[in-house]
Amino acid sequence: MKSSLINLPNGTTLYVQELGPTDAPALILVHGLGGTHAVWAPMLEAGDLKDQYHIISYDLRGEGLSPLGGSGNPNATAETQKLSIASHEEDLFLLFNHFSLSYPPPNYPKPILIAQSMGSFIAQQFVINHPTLISKLVLVNTSTSPFPPQAIEIQAGWIEVVRAHNSMVVLSDQLSHFMVATPANNAFARPFQRMMMRTQPVEGFIANVGALVSVSEIKLNRGGFLGPVLIVGGEVDPVSTGEDLAKTLQTEGVHVKHTNLKGAGHSVPLEAPSELAAAIKMWL
């Protein structure tokens, strides 16, 4: 395992973790709001994927160990450093460039992109802008876009809670119960989710909520990418609409498969890591 802080040309600094042989096909992992690269660890362990792929996971800008303002602006706030799906997509593209994935050698397998929740919007925008850079796309706990007004109102309320306490503690308790199904599939899912959220930088989280609520309509086939796409949802996910997205993509000519994992909510990588790994490996 290799961990490092990578400075990108746009001034962003990303915390990146690598697993597996560097000469193997690349598997890029993008987490969701309030998460970190660690959300994928149970799935990777359960599926032995690290033995077959060069796995690159990272913390989104402003979350985990990736500073909101990069290395040159340590005092950045959600007001001074606005984030969007587009800015996250640019970071992802520059990360591809950093690992020489944008211009792979002839006949070398293209990367596989796996993304969860907010990360799935980033991944979809990436595929629209760069349809030839990946071979397959996996979307976990994903949704159609844009969000309905009531969802945006709820997400804006998260900012009020965090600002009121100047801490992630209260919101992390609330959202860990909201995101992880009750009863939980496994005992560690909710504490793990809570721990990830409690350690989020306040300003970075608020900036990322701003990025999430600003999601506009994303049409995956707009850039010419027609799949294959695997959509994995949680059977009792209270917010995702992956099945609706799958139906929409099918009508647009995208080769897509959809499956729901029994008893899981909005944190599938934590709630059902073995089942998620099995679904991905079977599909790959």
Protein backbone atom coordinates (compact mmCIF):
# COMPACT_ATOMS: atom_id res chain seq x y z
CA MET A 1 0.00 0.00 0.00
CA LYS A 2 1.22 3.48 -0.85
CA SER A 3 -0.27 6.71 0.49
CA SER A 4 0.68 10.19 -0.67
CA LEU A 5 -0.43 13.79 -1.05
CA ILE A 6 -0.45 14.68 -4.73
CA ASN A 7 -0.30 18.30 -5.91
CA LEU A 8 -2.24 18.80 -9.13
CA PRO A 9 -1.62 21.56 -11.72
CA ASN A 10 -4.85 23.39 -10.74
CA GLY A 11 -3.59 23.91 -7.18
CA THR A 12 -5.57 21.04 -5.67
CA THR A 13 -3.88 18.66 -3.25
CA LEU A 14 -5.39 15.18 -3.03
CA TYR A 15 -4.71 12.42 -0.55
CA VAL A 16 -4.32 9.26 -2.63
CA GLN A 17 -3.95 5.63 -1.65
CA GLU A 18 -2.69 2.94 -4.03
CA LEU A 19 -3.06 -0.81 -3.70
CA GLY A 20 -2.06 -3.69 -5.92
CA PRO A 21 0.48 -4.06 -8.74
CA THR A 22 1.09 -0.84 -10.64
CA ASP A 23 1.34 -2.70 -13.95
CA ALA A 24 -2.18 -4.15 -13.56
CA PRO A 25 -5.33 -2.56 -15.04
CA ALA A 26 -6.33 0.52 -13.05
CA LEU A 27 -9.45 0.65 -10.91
CA ILE A 28 -10.34 4.19 -9.79
CA LEU A 29 -12.60 4.69 -6.75
CA VAL A 30 -14.55 7.89 -6.01
CA HIS A 31 -16.39 8.20 -2.67
CA GLY A 32 -19.48 10.22 -1.76
CA LEU A 33 -20.31 13.21 0.45
CA GLY A 34 -18.99 12.88 3.99
CA GLY A 35 -16.82 9.92 3.09
CA THR A 36 -13.17 9.20 2.44
CA HIS A 37 -11.15 6.68 0.48
CA ALA A 38 -11.56 4.35 3.48
CA VAL A 39 -15.20 3.65 2.60
CA TRP A 40 -13.95 1.19 -0.03
CA ALA A 41 -11.63 -0.80 2.26
CA PRO A 42 -14.17 -3.46 3.33
CA MET A 43 -15.17 -4.13 -0.28
CA LEU A 44 -11.56 -4.38 -1.45
CA GLU A 45 -10.72 -6.79 1.34
CA ALA A 46 -13.79 -8.93 0.73
CA GLY A 47 -13.25 -9.18 -3.00
CA ASP A 48 -9.47 -9.59 -3.19
CA LEU A 49 -9.57 -6.94 -5.90
CA LYS A 50 -6.23 -5.53 -4.78
CA ASP A 51 -4.49 -8.61 -6.17
CA GLN A 52 -5.88 -8.12 -9.68
CA TYR A 53 -5.94 -4.35 -10.18
CA HIS A 54 -3.91 -1.23 -9.55
CA ILE A 55 -6.43 0.38 -7.21
CA ILE A 56 -6.37 4.15 -6.85
CA SER A 57 -8.68 5.69 -4.24
CA TYR A 58 -8.56 9.25 -2.98
CA ASP A 59 -10.23 11.78 -0.72
CA LEU A 60 -12.28 14.36 -2.58
CA ARG A 61 -11.14 17.95 -2.25
CA GLY A 62 -12.24 19.28 1.14
CA GLU A 63 -12.90 15.84 2.62
CA GLY A 64 -10.75 13.44 4.62
CA LEU A 65 -7.09 14.38 4.22
CA SER A 66 -7.49 16.43 1.01
CA PRO A 67 -7.40 20.11 2.05
CA LEU A 68 -10.16 22.36 0.73
CA GLY A 69 -7.76 25.04 -0.48
CA GLY A 70 -4.92 22.81 -1.59
CA SER A 71 -1.41 23.17 -0.24
CA GLY A 72 -1.26 26.89 -1.01
CA ASN A 73 -4.42 28.04 0.78
CA PRO A 74 -4.69 26.40 4.21
CA ASN A 75 -7.26 28.95 5.44
CA ALA A 76 -9.80 28.34 2.69
CA THR A 77 -13.47 28.39 3.68
CA ALA A 78 -16.64 27.24 1.97
CA GLU A 79 -17.21 30.87 0.95
CA THR A 80 -13.76 31.51 -0.50
CA GLN A 81 -13.33 28.07 -2.12
CA LYS A 82 -16.50 27.13 -3.95
CA LEU A 83 -16.78 23.53 -5.12
CA SER A 84 -18.91 21.95 -7.82
CA ILE A 85 -19.29 18.67 -9.64
CA ALA A 86 -17.27 20.31 -12.43
CA SER A 87 -14.35 21.19 -10.13
CA HIS A 88 -14.30 17.65 -8.74
CA GLU A 89 -14.42 16.26 -12.28
CA GLU A 90 -11.40 18.39 -13.20
CA ASP A 91 -9.53 16.99 -10.19
CA LEU A 92 -10.34 13.46 -11.34
CA PHE A 93 -9.11 14.16 -14.87
CA LEU A 94 -5.85 15.62 -13.55
CA LEU A 95 -5.48 12.54 -11.36
CA PHE A 96 -5.81 10.40 -14.50
CA ASN A 97 -3.06 12.51 -16.06
CA HIS A 98 -0.86 12.14 -12.99
CA PHE A 99 -0.98 8.36 -13.28
CA SER A 100 -0.58 8.47 -17.09
CA LEU A 101 -4.06 6.99 -17.53
CA SER A 102 -5.18 9.56 -20.08
CA TYR A 103 -2.65 8.30 -22.62
CA PRO A 104 -2.15 4.58 -21.94
CA PRO A 105 0.21 2.48 -24.06
CA PRO A 106 -1.31 0.76 -27.12
CA ASN A 107 -3.42 -2.31 -26.29
CA TYR A 108 -3.24 -1.53 -22.55
CA PRO A 109 -6.57 -2.05 -20.70
CA LYS A 110 -8.45 1.16 -20.01
CA PRO A 111 -9.27 1.98 -16.37
CA ILE A 112 -12.51 0.98 -14.66
CA LEU A 113 -14.24 3.77 -12.74
CA ILE A 114 -16.27 2.98 -9.60
CA ALA A 115 -18.10 5.75 -7.74
CA GLN A 116 -20.62 6.07 -4.92
CA SER A 117 -23.36 8.62 -4.14
CA MET A 118 -22.05 12.14 -4.89
CA GLY A 119 -19.02 10.51 -6.45
CA SER A 120 -21.33 8.94 -9.03
CA PHE A 121 -22.23 12.40 -10.35
CA ILE A 122 -18.54 13.25 -10.61
CA ALA A 123 -17.91 9.99 -12.46
CA GLN A 124 -20.79 10.56 -14.87
CA GLN A 125 -19.58 14.07 -15.67
CA PHE A 126 -16.08 12.67 -16.21
CA VAL A 127 -17.39 10.09 -18.68
CA ILE A 128 -19.35 12.75 -20.56
CA ASN A 129 -16.19 14.86 -20.92
CA HIS A 130 -13.80 11.95 -21.52
CA PRO A 131 -15.81 9.02 -22.93
CA THR A 132 -12.80 7.18 -24.31
CA LEU A 133 -10.70 7.11 -21.13
CA ILE A 134 -12.47 4.28 -19.29
CA SER A 135 -13.65 0.81 -20.22
CA LYS A 136 -16.46 0.33 -17.69
CA LEU A 137 -18.39 2.38 -15.16
CA VAL A 138 -19.86 1.25 -11.83
CA LEU A 139 -22.28 3.57 -10.01
CA VAL A 140 -23.21 2.75 -6.40
CA ASN A 141 -26.09 4.43 -4.51
CA THR A 142 -26.62 6.72 -7.46
CA SER A 143 -29.59 8.83 -8.54
CA THR A 144 -31.15 10.69 -11.39
CA SER A 145 -30.38 14.40 -11.60
CA PRO A 146 -31.10 17.19 -10.82
CA PHE A 147 -32.40 16.77 -7.28
CA PRO A 148 -36.02 17.67 -6.49
CA PRO A 149 -36.50 20.87 -4.44
CA GLN A 150 -37.34 18.98 -1.24
CA ALA A 151 -34.03 17.09 -1.39
CA ILE A 152 -32.09 20.32 -1.87
CA GLU A 153 -33.89 21.82 1.13
CA ILE A 154 -32.91 18.85 3.31
CA GLN A 155 -29.28 19.05 2.21
CA ALA A 156 -29.19 22.79 2.89
CA GLY A 157 -30.40 21.99 6.40
CA TRP A 158 -27.26 19.96 6.96
CA ILE A 159 -25.22 23.14 6.60
CA GLU A 160 -27.31 24.84 9.28
CA VAL A 161 -26.67 22.00 11.74
CA VAL A 162 -22.92 22.03 11.13
CA ARG A 163 -22.70 25.82 11.34
CA ALA A 164 -24.73 25.89 14.56
CA HIS A 165 -22.35 23.51 16.31
CA ASN A 166 -19.17 24.33 14.35
CA SER A 167 -18.66 20.59 14.39
CA MET A 168 -19.62 17.45 12.50
CA VAL A 169 -20.55 15.50 15.65
CA VAL A 170 -24.32 16.11 15.73
CA LEU A 171 -24.84 15.73 11.99
CA SER A 172 -22.68 12.62 11.84
CA ASP A 173 -24.98 10.96 14.38
CA GLN A 174 -28.07 11.96 12.40
CA LEU A 175 -26.79 10.98 8.97
CA SER A 176 -25.24 7.69 10.03
CA HIS A 177 -28.70 6.55 11.12
CA PHE A 178 -30.26 7.96 7.96
CA MET A 179 -27.74 6.42 5.55
CA VAL A 180 -27.28 2.98 7.13
CA ALA A 181 -30.33 0.71 7.10
CA THR A 182 -32.04 -0.36 10.32
CA PRO A 183 -31.46 -3.07 11.30
CA ALA A 184 -27.96 -2.84 9.87
CA ASN A 185 -26.59 -5.69 7.78
CA ASN A 186 -23.45 -5.66 9.89
CA ALA A 187 -22.50 -4.17 13.22
CA PHE A 188 -19.62 -1.98 12.05
CA ALA A 189 -21.35 -0.12 9.20
CA ARG A 190 -22.98 2.64 11.24
CA PRO A 191 -19.99 3.31 13.56
CA PHE A 192 -17.70 3.37 10.50
CA GLN A 193 -20.00 5.84 8.72
CA ARG A 194 -20.22 8.00 11.84
CA MET A 195 -16.45 8.00 12.30
CA MET A 196 -15.81 9.10 8.71
CA MET A 197 -18.27 11.97 9.01
CA ARG A 198 -17.07 13.13 12.44
CA THR A 199 -13.54 13.58 11.14
CA GLN A 200 -14.57 15.71 8.16
CA PRO A 201 -13.31 19.31 8.10
CA VAL A 202 -16.32 21.58 8.67
CA GLU A 203 -15.57 24.02 5.86
CA GLY A 204 -14.77 21.23 3.43
CA PHE A 205 -18.02 19.42 4.18
CA ILE A 206 -20.07 22.58 3.73
CA ALA A 207 -18.34 23.32 0.43
CA ASN A 208 -19.12 19.80 -0.74
CA VAL A 209 -22.78 20.08 0.22
CA GLY A 210 -22.78 23.14 -2.03
CA ALA A 211 -21.34 21.05 -4.85
CA LEU A 212 -24.00 18.38 -4.34
CA VAL A 213 -27.04 20.67 -4.31
CA SER A 214 -25.82 22.38 -7.48
CA VAL A 215 -25.98 19.16 -9.54
CA SER A 216 -27.65 19.84 -12.88
CA GLU A 217 -29.10 17.30 -15.29
CA ILE A 218 -26.46 14.80 -16.37
CA LYS A 219 -27.00 12.80 -19.56
CA LEU A 220 -24.41 10.07 -19.65
CA ASN A 221 -24.62 9.42 -23.39
CA ARG A 222 -24.02 13.09 -24.24
CA GLY A 223 -20.32 12.46 -24.75
CA GLY A 224 -20.82 9.23 -26.68
CA PHE A 225 -20.21 6.74 -23.87
CA LEU A 226 -22.67 3.85 -24.22
CA GLY A 227 -21.40 1.62 -21.46
CA PRO A 228 -21.16 -0.87 -20.11
CA VAL A 229 -22.51 0.54 -16.85
CA LEU A 230 -23.32 -1.35 -13.65
CA ILE A 231 -25.65 0.35 -11.16
CA VAL A 232 -25.73 -1.11 -7.65
CA GLY A 233 -28.25 0.12 -5.11
CA GLY A 234 -29.40 -0.66 -1.62
CA GLU A 235 -32.79 -2.31 -1.30
CA VAL A 236 -33.88 0.16 1.39
CA ASP A 237 -31.85 3.21 0.31
CA PRO A 238 -34.04 6.19 1.30
CA VAL A 239 -32.65 8.63 -1.26
CA SER A 240 -31.13 6.95 -4.32
CA THR A 241 -33.04 6.36 -7.54
CA GLY A 242 -30.63 4.05 -9.35
CA GLU A 243 -33.40 1.97 -10.90
CA ASP A 244 -34.90 5.08 -12.49
CA LEU A 245 -31.48 6.08 -13.79
CA ALA A 246 -30.97 2.62 -15.28
CA LYS A 247 -34.29 2.85 -17.13
CA THR A 248 -33.39 6.29 -18.44
CA LEU A 249 -29.98 5.12 -19.63
CA GLN A 250 -31.54 2.14 -21.41
CA THR A 251 -33.85 4.44 -23.37
CA GLU A 252 -30.78 6.49 -24.34
CA GLY A 253 -29.01 3.45 -25.76
CA VAL A 254 -26.58 2.87 -22.90
CA HIS A 255 -25.69 -0.75 -22.08
CA VAL A 256 -26.62 -0.86 -18.39
CA LYS A 257 -27.31 -3.44 -15.70
CA HIS A 258 -29.00 -2.67 -12.39
CA THR A 259 -29.10 -4.65 -9.15
CA ASN A 260 -30.20 -3.93 -5.57
CA LEU A 261 -28.48 -5.50 -2.57
CA LYS A 262 -30.86 -6.90 0.03
CA GLY A 263 -31.15 -5.05 3.32
CA ALA A 264 -28.69 -2.29 2.39
CA GLY A 265 -29.31 1.44 2.58
CA HIS A 266 -27.28 4.38 1.26
CA SER A 267 -23.90 3.06 2.41
CA VAL A 268 -23.62 -0.09 0.30
CA PRO A 269 -19.78 -0.27 0.42
CA LEU A 270 -20.00 -0.48 4.23
CA GLU A 271 -23.28 -2.34 4.65
CA ALA A 272 -22.76 -5.05 2.06
CA PRO A 273 -19.05 -5.08 1.10
CA SER A 274 -18.90 -8.78 0.20
CA GLU A 275 -22.07 -8.60 -1.88
CA LEU A 276 -20.87 -5.45 -3.65
CA ALA A 277 -17.48 -7.00 -4.40
CA ALA A 278 -19.17 -10.14 -5.74
CA ALA A 279 -21.53 -8.14 -7.95
CA ILE A 280 -18.67 -6.11 -9.40
CA LYS A 281 -16.36 -9.10 -9.94
CA MET A 282 -19.12 -11.09 -11.64
CA TRP A 283 -19.94 -8.14 -13.91
CA LEU A 284 -16.30 -7.42 -14.74
